[in-house]
N, C-alpha and C. Protein backbone atom coordinates (compact mmCIF):
# COMPACT_ATOMS: atom_id res chain seq x y z
N MET A 1 0.84 -1.17 0.00
CA MET A 1 0.00 0.00 0.00
C MET A 1 0.89 1.24 0.00
N ASP A 2 0.51 2.22 -0.77
CA ASP A 2 1.27 3.46 -0.88
C ASP A 2 0.79 4.43 0.21
N PHE A 3 1.59 4.58 1.24
CA PHE A 3 1.22 5.47 2.34
C PHE A 3 1.56 6.93 2.07
N SER A 4 2.24 7.22 0.97
CA SER A 4 2.66 8.59 0.70
C SER A 4 1.48 9.53 0.40
N VAL A 5 0.35 8.98 -0.01
CA VAL A 5 -0.82 9.81 -0.32
C VAL A 5 -1.72 10.02 0.89
N ILE A 6 -1.32 9.45 2.03
CA ILE A 6 -2.15 9.53 3.23
C ILE A 6 -1.48 10.45 4.23
N ASP A 7 -2.27 11.35 4.80
CA ASP A 7 -1.69 12.31 5.74
C ASP A 7 -1.30 11.62 7.05
N THR A 8 -0.41 12.27 7.76
CA THR A 8 0.17 11.69 8.98
C THR A 8 -0.87 11.46 10.07
N GLU A 9 -1.81 12.37 10.23
CA GLU A 9 -2.82 12.22 11.27
C GLU A 9 -3.70 10.99 11.03
N THR A 10 -4.01 10.72 9.78
CA THR A 10 -4.78 9.53 9.44
C THR A 10 -4.00 8.27 9.75
N LEU A 11 -2.71 8.27 9.40
CA LEU A 11 -1.87 7.11 9.72
C LEU A 11 -1.80 6.87 11.22
N LYS A 12 -1.68 7.95 11.99
CA LYS A 12 -1.64 7.82 13.45
C LYS A 12 -2.95 7.22 13.97
N ALA A 13 -4.06 7.69 13.43
CA ALA A 13 -5.37 7.18 13.87
C ALA A 13 -5.51 5.69 13.53
N TRP A 14 -5.08 5.29 12.35
CA TRP A 14 -5.14 3.89 11.95
C TRP A 14 -4.27 3.04 12.86
N HIS A 15 -3.09 3.56 13.20
CA HIS A 15 -2.16 2.82 14.05
C HIS A 15 -2.76 2.60 15.43
N VAL A 16 -3.34 3.65 16.00
CA VAL A 16 -3.96 3.53 17.32
C VAL A 16 -5.13 2.54 17.27
N GLU A 17 -5.95 2.64 16.23
CA GLU A 17 -7.10 1.74 16.09
C GLU A 17 -6.64 0.28 15.97
N ALA A 18 -5.58 0.05 15.20
CA ALA A 18 -5.07 -1.30 15.03
C ALA A 18 -4.48 -1.84 16.33
N LEU A 19 -3.79 -1.00 17.08
CA LEU A 19 -3.26 -1.42 18.37
C LEU A 19 -4.38 -1.77 19.35
N ARG A 20 -5.44 -0.98 19.33
CA ARG A 20 -6.60 -1.29 20.19
C ARG A 20 -7.24 -2.62 19.78
N ALA A 21 -7.31 -2.86 18.49
CA ALA A 21 -7.88 -4.12 18.01
C ALA A 21 -7.03 -5.30 18.47
N LEU A 22 -5.72 -5.16 18.40
CA LEU A 22 -4.83 -6.23 18.86
C LEU A 22 -4.99 -6.45 20.36
N GLN A 23 -5.14 -5.36 21.11
CA GLN A 23 -5.37 -5.48 22.55
C GLN A 23 -6.68 -6.22 22.82
N SER A 24 -7.71 -5.91 22.07
CA SER A 24 -9.00 -6.59 22.25
C SER A 24 -8.88 -8.09 22.00
N LEU A 25 -8.14 -8.46 20.96
CA LEU A 25 -7.92 -9.88 20.69
C LEU A 25 -7.11 -10.52 21.81
N SER A 26 -6.16 -9.78 22.34
CA SER A 26 -5.30 -10.32 23.38
C SER A 26 -6.04 -10.60 24.68
N ILE A 27 -7.09 -9.83 24.94
CA ILE A 27 -7.82 -10.03 26.19
C ILE A 27 -9.04 -10.92 26.01
N GLY A 28 -9.17 -11.54 24.84
CA GLY A 28 -10.18 -12.57 24.68
C GLY A 28 -11.35 -12.26 23.77
N ARG A 29 -11.40 -11.09 23.18
CA ARG A 29 -12.48 -10.82 22.24
C ARG A 29 -12.32 -11.73 21.03
N ARG A 30 -13.42 -12.25 20.54
CA ARG A 30 -13.35 -13.24 19.45
C ARG A 30 -12.93 -12.64 18.11
N GLU A 31 -13.43 -11.46 17.79
CA GLU A 31 -13.01 -10.83 16.55
C GLU A 31 -13.17 -9.32 16.65
N VAL A 32 -12.41 -8.62 15.82
CA VAL A 32 -12.46 -7.17 15.76
C VAL A 32 -12.52 -6.76 14.30
N SER A 33 -13.12 -5.62 14.04
CA SER A 33 -13.22 -5.10 12.68
C SER A 33 -12.51 -3.76 12.59
N LEU A 34 -11.80 -3.57 11.51
CA LEU A 34 -11.12 -2.31 11.22
C LEU A 34 -11.55 -1.86 9.83
N SER A 35 -11.63 -0.56 9.66
CA SER A 35 -11.90 -0.04 8.32
C SER A 35 -11.07 1.21 8.11
N TYR A 36 -10.66 1.42 6.89
CA TYR A 36 -9.89 2.60 6.54
C TYR A 36 -10.18 2.94 5.10
N SER A 37 -10.03 4.20 4.77
CA SER A 37 -10.26 4.61 3.39
C SER A 37 -9.09 5.44 2.91
N THR A 38 -8.74 5.21 1.69
CA THR A 38 -7.69 5.97 1.04
C THR A 38 -8.34 6.77 -0.08
N PRO A 39 -7.66 7.76 -0.59
CA PRO A 39 -8.24 8.48 -1.71
C PRO A 39 -8.57 7.53 -2.86
N GLY A 40 -9.82 7.39 -3.15
CA GLY A 40 -10.25 6.53 -4.25
C GLY A 40 -10.67 5.13 -3.86
N SER A 41 -10.47 4.75 -2.60
CA SER A 41 -10.88 3.40 -2.22
C SER A 41 -11.11 3.33 -0.72
N GLY A 42 -11.88 2.37 -0.32
CA GLY A 42 -12.10 2.11 1.09
C GLY A 42 -11.95 0.63 1.34
N ARG A 43 -11.41 0.27 2.46
CA ARG A 43 -11.20 -1.14 2.78
C ARG A 43 -11.60 -1.39 4.22
N SER A 44 -11.89 -2.62 4.49
CA SER A 44 -12.17 -3.02 5.86
C SER A 44 -11.69 -4.45 6.04
N GLY A 45 -11.51 -4.81 7.28
CA GLY A 45 -11.06 -6.16 7.56
C GLY A 45 -11.55 -6.61 8.92
N THR A 46 -11.79 -7.87 9.03
CA THR A 46 -12.17 -8.46 10.31
C THR A 46 -11.08 -9.42 10.70
N TYR A 47 -10.59 -9.24 11.90
CA TYR A 47 -9.50 -10.07 12.39
C TYR A 47 -9.97 -10.89 13.58
N SER A 48 -9.45 -12.09 13.66
CA SER A 48 -9.74 -12.97 14.79
C SER A 48 -8.41 -13.54 15.27
N ALA A 49 -8.48 -14.40 16.26
CA ALA A 49 -7.25 -14.99 16.79
C ALA A 49 -6.51 -15.80 15.73
N THR A 50 -7.23 -16.33 14.76
CA THR A 50 -6.59 -17.16 13.74
C THR A 50 -5.76 -16.33 12.76
N ASN A 51 -6.14 -15.10 12.51
CA ASN A 51 -5.34 -14.28 11.60
C ASN A 51 -4.73 -13.07 12.32
N ARG A 52 -4.38 -13.30 13.55
CA ARG A 52 -3.75 -12.27 14.38
C ARG A 52 -2.42 -11.80 13.78
N ASP A 53 -1.71 -12.70 13.12
CA ASP A 53 -0.43 -12.33 12.51
C ASP A 53 -0.62 -11.29 11.40
N GLU A 54 -1.72 -11.36 10.67
CA GLU A 54 -2.00 -10.37 9.63
C GLU A 54 -2.21 -8.99 10.26
N LEU A 55 -2.91 -8.96 11.39
CA LEU A 55 -3.11 -7.69 12.10
C LEU A 55 -1.78 -7.14 12.60
N ALA A 56 -0.93 -8.00 13.12
CA ALA A 56 0.39 -7.56 13.58
C ALA A 56 1.23 -7.03 12.41
N GLN A 57 1.08 -7.66 11.25
CA GLN A 57 1.80 -7.19 10.07
C GLN A 57 1.29 -5.81 9.65
N TRP A 58 -0.01 -5.59 9.69
CA TRP A 58 -0.61 -4.30 9.36
C TRP A 58 -0.08 -3.23 10.32
N ILE A 59 -0.03 -3.55 11.61
CA ILE A 59 0.49 -2.62 12.60
C ILE A 59 1.95 -2.28 12.29
N GLY A 60 2.72 -3.28 11.89
CA GLY A 60 4.11 -3.05 11.52
C GLY A 60 4.26 -2.13 10.32
N LEU A 61 3.42 -2.32 9.32
CA LEU A 61 3.46 -1.45 8.14
C LEU A 61 3.14 0.00 8.51
N LEU A 62 2.12 0.17 9.35
CA LEU A 62 1.77 1.52 9.79
C LEU A 62 2.89 2.14 10.61
N ALA A 63 3.47 1.36 11.51
CA ALA A 63 4.57 1.85 12.34
C ALA A 63 5.77 2.24 11.48
N ASP A 64 6.08 1.44 10.48
CA ASP A 64 7.19 1.76 9.58
C ASP A 64 6.93 3.05 8.82
N ALA A 65 5.69 3.23 8.34
CA ALA A 65 5.35 4.44 7.61
C ALA A 65 5.45 5.67 8.51
N LEU A 66 5.01 5.54 9.75
CA LEU A 66 5.11 6.66 10.69
C LEU A 66 6.57 6.92 11.07
N ALA A 67 7.34 5.88 11.24
CA ALA A 67 8.76 6.04 11.58
C ALA A 67 9.51 6.72 10.44
N ALA A 68 9.15 6.41 9.21
CA ALA A 68 9.80 7.04 8.05
C ALA A 68 9.53 8.54 8.01
N ARG A 69 8.42 8.95 8.57
CA ARG A 69 8.08 10.38 8.64
C ARG A 69 8.60 11.03 9.91
N GLY A 70 9.26 10.27 10.75
CA GLY A 70 9.80 10.82 11.99
C GLY A 70 8.76 10.98 13.08
N GLU A 71 7.63 10.32 12.94
CA GLU A 71 6.53 10.46 13.89
C GLU A 71 6.51 9.37 14.94
N LEU A 72 7.26 8.33 14.73
CA LEU A 72 7.24 7.20 15.65
C LEU A 72 8.62 6.59 15.67
N GLN A 73 9.12 6.35 16.85
CA GLN A 73 10.41 5.69 16.96
C GLN A 73 10.17 4.20 17.10
N GLN A 74 10.84 3.46 16.28
CA GLN A 74 10.74 2.01 16.37
C GLN A 74 11.61 1.58 17.54
N ARG A 75 11.00 0.95 18.50
CA ARG A 75 11.76 0.48 19.65
C ARG A 75 12.20 -0.95 19.39
N ARG A 76 13.45 -1.08 19.26
CA ARG A 76 14.02 -2.40 19.05
C ARG A 76 15.07 -2.62 20.13
N PRO A 77 15.14 -3.79 20.64
CA PRO A 77 16.13 -4.04 21.69
C PRO A 77 17.55 -3.85 21.15
N ARG A 78 18.34 -3.18 21.94
CA ARG A 78 19.73 -2.99 21.54
C ARG A 78 20.54 -4.18 22.01
N ARG A 79 21.40 -4.59 21.17
CA ARG A 79 22.25 -5.72 21.52
C ARG A 79 23.67 -5.22 21.75
N ARG A 80 24.25 -5.79 22.73
CA ARG A 80 25.63 -5.46 23.01
C ARG A 80 26.52 -6.35 22.16
N ALA A 81 27.68 -5.83 21.86
CA ALA A 81 28.66 -6.63 21.16
C ALA A 81 29.15 -7.72 22.10
N ILE A 82 29.37 -8.88 21.55
CA ILE A 82 29.89 -9.96 22.39
C ILE A 82 31.35 -10.16 22.05
N GLY A 83 32.10 -10.42 23.05
CA GLY A 83 33.51 -10.68 22.84
C GLY A 83 33.82 -12.13 23.15
N ILE A 84 34.62 -12.70 22.32
CA ILE A 84 35.03 -14.09 22.52
C ILE A 84 36.53 -14.13 22.69
N ARG A 85 36.94 -14.74 23.77
CA ARG A 85 38.40 -14.89 24.00
C ARG A 85 38.76 -16.35 23.97
N PHE A 86 39.86 -16.63 23.38
CA PHE A 86 40.37 -17.99 23.33
C PHE A 86 41.63 -18.12 24.12
């Protein structure tokens, strides 16, 4: 999906909505529905525990798009260098 035609506030709203949907699935709700519209098209999706990975992927795409705009920092664990001595 081309996120360049979508304004930042809309991306933020979609990200929050998707995170809430994932939270709902995590606490036992059977399914959640999300909908979003882009210029020229509208889409919706229903997610359940069986396709939770697709929802997580959608959240990742939104997070990456926001991070590219400097609106969201991707938190990734930092790894220390390991040293090996023989």
